[in-house]
């Protein structure tokens, strides 16, 4: 499957082919397609919750820098990595403007 690159203008949302539940403030995801499950810390859980509605990557980065002590540059790099990993596992859907 060809995955298109994620950019700051990409619009991301949770894939329908997953099941998620929160346990003690942290998220556990199950990929229905792959049968894999993933544990997410509180920061990743926050990102996942923001993806409940279609959201631009740049808006996720803005929320991260407002919520956590992180520079815009580090935040964008880390968010792009996380989203790339989620994309590879089929846990998010991506639209490009």
N, C-alpha and C. Protein backbone atom coordinates (compact mmCIF):
# COMPACT_ATOMS: atom_id res chain seq x y z
N UNK A 1 0.85 -1.18 0.00
CA UNK A 1 0.00 0.00 0.00
C UNK A 1 0.89 1.23 0.00
N UNK A 2 0.61 2.15 -0.89
CA UNK A 2 1.37 3.39 -0.98
C UNK A 2 0.82 4.40 0.02
N UNK A 3 1.69 4.90 0.86
CA UNK A 3 1.28 5.87 1.86
C UNK A 3 1.73 7.24 1.43
N UNK A 4 0.81 8.18 1.39
CA UNK A 4 1.19 9.53 1.00
C UNK A 4 1.84 10.24 2.17
N UNK A 5 2.78 11.12 1.87
CA UNK A 5 3.49 11.81 2.95
C UNK A 5 2.56 12.74 3.74
N UNK A 6 2.85 12.84 5.02
CA UNK A 6 2.09 13.72 5.90
C UNK A 6 2.79 15.07 5.92
N UNK A 7 2.00 16.13 5.76
CA UNK A 7 2.52 17.49 5.80
C UNK A 7 1.78 18.27 6.89
N UNK A 8 2.27 19.46 7.25
CA UNK A 8 1.55 20.26 8.24
C UNK A 8 0.11 20.60 7.83
N UNK A 9 -0.17 20.60 6.52
CA UNK A 9 -1.53 20.90 6.05
C UNK A 9 -2.42 19.67 5.92
N UNK A 10 -1.85 18.47 6.11
CA UNK A 10 -2.65 17.24 6.04
C UNK A 10 -3.72 17.26 7.12
N UNK A 11 -4.85 16.69 6.79
CA UNK A 11 -5.95 16.57 7.75
C UNK A 11 -6.02 15.11 8.18
N UNK A 12 -5.93 14.89 9.48
CA UNK A 12 -5.82 13.55 10.05
C UNK A 12 -7.03 13.26 10.92
N UNK A 13 -7.48 12.01 10.89
CA UNK A 13 -8.52 11.58 11.83
C UNK A 13 -8.32 10.10 12.14
N UNK A 14 -8.96 9.65 13.19
CA UNK A 14 -8.87 8.25 13.59
C UNK A 14 -9.49 7.37 12.50
N UNK A 15 -8.84 6.25 12.22
CA UNK A 15 -9.36 5.28 11.26
C UNK A 15 -10.55 4.55 11.87
N UNK A 16 -11.44 4.09 11.03
CA UNK A 16 -12.58 3.30 11.51
C UNK A 16 -12.18 1.85 11.77
N UNK A 17 -10.98 1.47 11.33
CA UNK A 17 -10.55 0.06 11.48
C UNK A 17 -9.70 -0.13 12.74
N UNK A 18 -10.15 0.48 13.83
CA UNK A 18 -9.47 0.33 15.11
C UNK A 18 -10.48 0.41 16.23
N UNK A 19 -10.07 -0.10 17.38
CA UNK A 19 -10.86 -0.01 18.59
C UNK A 19 -9.94 0.56 19.66
N UNK A 20 -10.44 1.51 20.42
CA UNK A 20 -9.62 2.16 21.44
C UNK A 20 -10.36 2.16 22.77
N UNK A 21 -9.58 2.04 23.85
CA UNK A 21 -10.14 2.17 25.19
C UNK A 21 -9.08 2.82 26.07
N UNK A 22 -9.54 3.54 27.07
CA UNK A 22 -8.63 4.21 27.99
C UNK A 22 -8.59 3.44 29.30
N UNK A 23 -7.36 3.21 29.77
CA UNK A 23 -7.16 2.51 31.04
C UNK A 23 -6.20 3.35 31.89
N UNK A 24 -6.66 3.80 33.05
CA UNK A 24 -5.84 4.63 33.95
C UNK A 24 -5.24 5.84 33.23
N UNK A 25 -6.02 6.50 32.40
CA UNK A 25 -5.57 7.72 31.73
C UNK A 25 -4.69 7.49 30.52
N UNK A 26 -4.46 6.24 30.16
CA UNK A 26 -3.66 5.94 28.97
C UNK A 26 -4.48 5.08 28.03
N UNK A 27 -4.17 5.23 26.76
CA UNK A 27 -4.96 4.60 25.72
C UNK A 27 -4.37 3.28 25.26
N UNK A 28 -5.24 2.34 24.96
CA UNK A 28 -4.84 1.09 24.33
C UNK A 28 -5.63 0.99 23.03
N UNK A 29 -4.92 0.81 21.91
CA UNK A 29 -5.54 0.71 20.59
C UNK A 29 -5.40 -0.70 20.06
N UNK A 30 -6.41 -1.15 19.33
CA UNK A 30 -6.35 -2.43 18.64
C UNK A 30 -6.61 -2.17 17.17
N UNK A 31 -5.67 -2.56 16.33
CA UNK A 31 -5.85 -2.46 14.88
C UNK A 31 -6.65 -3.67 14.43
N UNK A 32 -7.85 -3.43 13.95
CA UNK A 32 -8.71 -4.52 13.49
C UNK A 32 -8.07 -5.20 12.27
N UNK A 33 -7.50 -4.40 11.37
CA UNK A 33 -6.92 -4.94 10.14
C UNK A 33 -5.69 -5.81 10.41
N UNK A 34 -4.83 -5.36 11.33
CA UNK A 34 -3.57 -6.06 11.57
C UNK A 34 -3.60 -6.98 12.78
N UNK A 35 -4.58 -6.78 13.67
CA UNK A 35 -4.66 -7.61 14.86
C UNK A 35 -3.63 -7.26 15.91
N UNK A 36 -2.99 -6.11 15.78
CA UNK A 36 -1.98 -5.66 16.74
C UNK A 36 -2.62 -4.69 17.73
N UNK A 37 -2.06 -4.65 18.94
CA UNK A 37 -2.52 -3.64 19.88
C UNK A 37 -1.34 -2.79 20.32
N UNK A 38 -1.66 -1.56 20.74
CA UNK A 38 -0.65 -0.55 21.04
C UNK A 38 -1.04 0.18 22.31
N UNK A 39 -0.08 0.37 23.20
CA UNK A 39 -0.28 1.16 24.40
C UNK A 39 0.26 2.56 24.15
N UNK A 40 -0.46 3.57 24.60
CA UNK A 40 -0.06 4.96 24.39
C UNK A 40 0.04 5.67 25.72
N UNK A 41 1.12 6.45 25.87
CA UNK A 41 1.27 7.24 27.09
C UNK A 41 0.31 8.43 27.07
N UNK A 42 0.38 9.28 28.07
CA UNK A 42 -0.58 10.39 28.18
C UNK A 42 -0.47 11.39 27.04
N UNK A 43 0.75 11.65 26.57
CA UNK A 43 0.92 12.60 25.46
C UNK A 43 0.31 12.02 24.19
N UNK A 44 0.60 10.76 23.90
CA UNK A 44 0.03 10.13 22.70
C UNK A 44 -1.48 10.00 22.82
N UNK A 45 -1.97 9.78 24.04
CA UNK A 45 -3.41 9.73 24.25
C UNK A 45 -4.05 11.08 23.93
N UNK A 46 -3.41 12.17 24.32
CA UNK A 46 -3.92 13.51 24.00
C UNK A 46 -3.99 13.70 22.48
N UNK A 47 -2.92 13.33 21.78
CA UNK A 47 -2.92 13.46 20.32
C UNK A 47 -4.07 12.63 19.74
N UNK A 48 -4.22 11.40 20.20
CA UNK A 48 -5.27 10.53 19.68
C UNK A 48 -6.65 11.15 19.92
N UNK A 49 -6.87 11.69 21.09
CA UNK A 49 -8.17 12.30 21.39
C UNK A 49 -8.45 13.49 20.47
N UNK A 50 -7.42 14.28 20.14
CA UNK A 50 -7.61 15.40 19.22
C UNK A 50 -7.97 14.91 17.82
N UNK A 51 -7.59 13.68 17.50
CA UNK A 51 -7.89 13.12 16.17
C UNK A 51 -9.30 12.53 16.10
N UNK A 52 -10.09 12.70 17.14
CA UNK A 52 -11.47 12.24 17.12
C UNK A 52 -12.28 12.96 16.05
N UNK A 53 -11.87 14.15 15.70
CA UNK A 53 -12.45 14.93 14.61
C UNK A 53 -11.32 15.22 13.62
N UNK A 54 -11.62 15.31 12.34
CA UNK A 54 -10.56 15.64 11.36
C UNK A 54 -9.83 16.93 11.77
N UNK A 55 -8.52 16.84 11.87
CA UNK A 55 -7.70 17.94 12.38
C UNK A 55 -6.44 18.11 11.54
N UNK A 56 -6.08 19.36 11.26
CA UNK A 56 -4.84 19.63 10.54
C UNK A 56 -3.64 19.34 11.44
N UNK A 57 -2.59 18.82 10.84
CA UNK A 57 -1.36 18.52 11.59
C UNK A 57 -0.86 19.77 12.29
N UNK A 58 -0.89 20.91 11.59
CA UNK A 58 -0.40 22.16 12.20
C UNK A 58 -1.21 22.54 13.44
N UNK A 59 -2.50 22.21 13.45
CA UNK A 59 -3.33 22.49 14.63
C UNK A 59 -2.98 21.57 15.80
N UNK A 60 -2.64 20.32 15.48
CA UNK A 60 -2.19 19.40 16.53
C UNK A 60 -0.90 19.93 17.16
N UNK A 61 0.03 20.38 16.32
CA UNK A 61 1.29 20.93 16.83
C UNK A 61 1.04 22.16 17.69
N UNK A 62 0.11 23.00 17.27
CA UNK A 62 -0.21 24.20 18.05
C UNK A 62 -0.76 23.81 19.43
N UNK A 63 -1.67 22.84 19.46
CA UNK A 63 -2.22 22.38 20.74
C UNK A 63 -1.12 21.79 21.62
N UNK A 64 -0.20 21.05 21.00
CA UNK A 64 0.89 20.44 21.77
C UNK A 64 1.77 21.50 22.42
N UNK A 65 2.15 22.53 21.66
CA UNK A 65 3.03 23.56 22.22
C UNK A 65 2.30 24.40 23.27
N UNK A 66 0.97 24.50 23.17
CA UNK A 66 0.19 25.21 24.19
C UNK A 66 0.01 24.37 25.45
N UNK A 67 0.01 23.06 25.31
CA UNK A 67 -0.27 22.15 26.42
C UNK A 67 0.99 21.69 27.13
N UNK A 68 2.06 21.45 26.36
CA UNK A 68 3.30 20.89 26.89
C UNK A 68 4.46 21.85 26.63
N UNK A 69 5.48 21.76 27.45
CA UNK A 69 6.67 22.59 27.27
C UNK A 69 7.55 21.95 26.21
N UNK A 70 7.33 22.36 24.96
CA UNK A 70 8.10 21.83 23.83
C UNK A 70 8.19 22.93 22.77
N UNK A 71 9.34 23.01 22.11
CA UNK A 71 9.50 24.01 21.06
C UNK A 71 8.70 23.59 19.83
N UNK A 72 8.35 24.55 19.00
CA UNK A 72 7.58 24.27 17.78
C UNK A 72 8.33 23.30 16.86
N UNK A 73 9.65 23.47 16.76
CA UNK A 73 10.44 22.62 15.86
C UNK A 73 10.46 21.17 16.34
N UNK A 74 10.74 20.98 17.62
CA UNK A 74 10.78 19.63 18.19
C UNK A 74 9.39 19.01 18.12
N UNK A 75 8.38 19.79 18.42
CA UNK A 75 7.01 19.31 18.41
C UNK A 75 6.62 18.81 17.02
N UNK A 76 6.89 19.61 16.00
CA UNK A 76 6.51 19.21 14.64
C UNK A 76 7.21 17.91 14.23
N UNK A 77 8.49 17.82 14.53
CA UNK A 77 9.25 16.61 14.20
C UNK A 77 8.65 15.39 14.91
N UNK A 78 8.38 15.52 16.21
CA UNK A 78 7.84 14.40 16.99
C UNK A 78 6.42 14.03 16.56
N UNK A 79 5.59 15.02 16.30
CA UNK A 79 4.21 14.76 15.87
C UNK A 79 4.21 14.07 14.51
N UNK A 80 5.05 14.52 13.60
CA UNK A 80 5.13 13.88 12.27
C UNK A 80 5.57 12.42 12.40
N UNK A 81 6.50 12.14 13.31
CA UNK A 81 6.96 10.76 13.54
C UNK A 81 5.82 9.91 14.07
N UNK A 82 5.12 10.40 15.07
CA UNK A 82 4.00 9.66 15.67
C UNK A 82 2.92 9.40 14.62
N UNK A 83 2.57 10.43 13.86
CA UNK A 83 1.53 10.26 12.84
C UNK A 83 1.97 9.29 11.75
N UNK A 84 3.25 9.33 11.39
CA UNK A 84 3.78 8.38 10.42
C UNK A 84 3.67 6.95 10.92
N UNK A 85 3.97 6.74 12.19
CA UNK A 85 3.84 5.41 12.79
C UNK A 85 2.38 4.96 12.80
N UNK A 86 1.47 5.87 13.17
CA UNK A 86 0.04 5.53 13.18
C UNK A 86 -0.46 5.22 11.77
N UNK A 87 0.04 5.99 10.79
CA UNK A 87 -0.34 5.76 9.40
C UNK A 87 0.13 4.38 8.94
N UNK A 88 1.36 4.04 9.28
CA UNK A 88 1.92 2.76 8.87
C UNK A 88 1.11 1.59 9.44
N UNK A 89 0.56 1.79 10.62
CA UNK A 89 -0.24 0.74 11.26
C UNK A 89 -1.71 0.79 10.84
N UNK A 90 -2.08 1.76 10.01
CA UNK A 90 -3.46 1.86 9.54
C UNK A 90 -4.43 2.39 10.57
N UNK A 91 -3.92 3.12 11.56
CA UNK A 91 -4.77 3.61 12.65
C UNK A 91 -5.35 4.99 12.41
N UNK A 92 -4.85 5.69 11.37
CA UNK A 92 -5.37 7.02 11.05
C UNK A 92 -5.67 7.09 9.55
N UNK A 93 -6.55 8.02 9.22
CA UNK A 93 -6.85 8.34 7.83
C UNK A 93 -6.31 9.74 7.56
N UNK A 94 -5.81 9.94 6.34
CA UNK A 94 -5.18 11.21 5.98
C UNK A 94 -5.85 11.77 4.73
N UNK A 95 -6.14 13.06 4.80
CA UNK A 95 -6.64 13.78 3.63
C UNK A 95 -5.70 14.94 3.37
N UNK A 96 -5.49 15.22 2.13
CA UNK A 96 -4.64 16.35 1.76
C UNK A 96 -5.51 17.41 1.11
N UNK A 97 -5.30 18.67 1.51
CA UNK A 97 -6.11 19.76 0.96
C UNK A 97 -5.90 19.93 -0.53
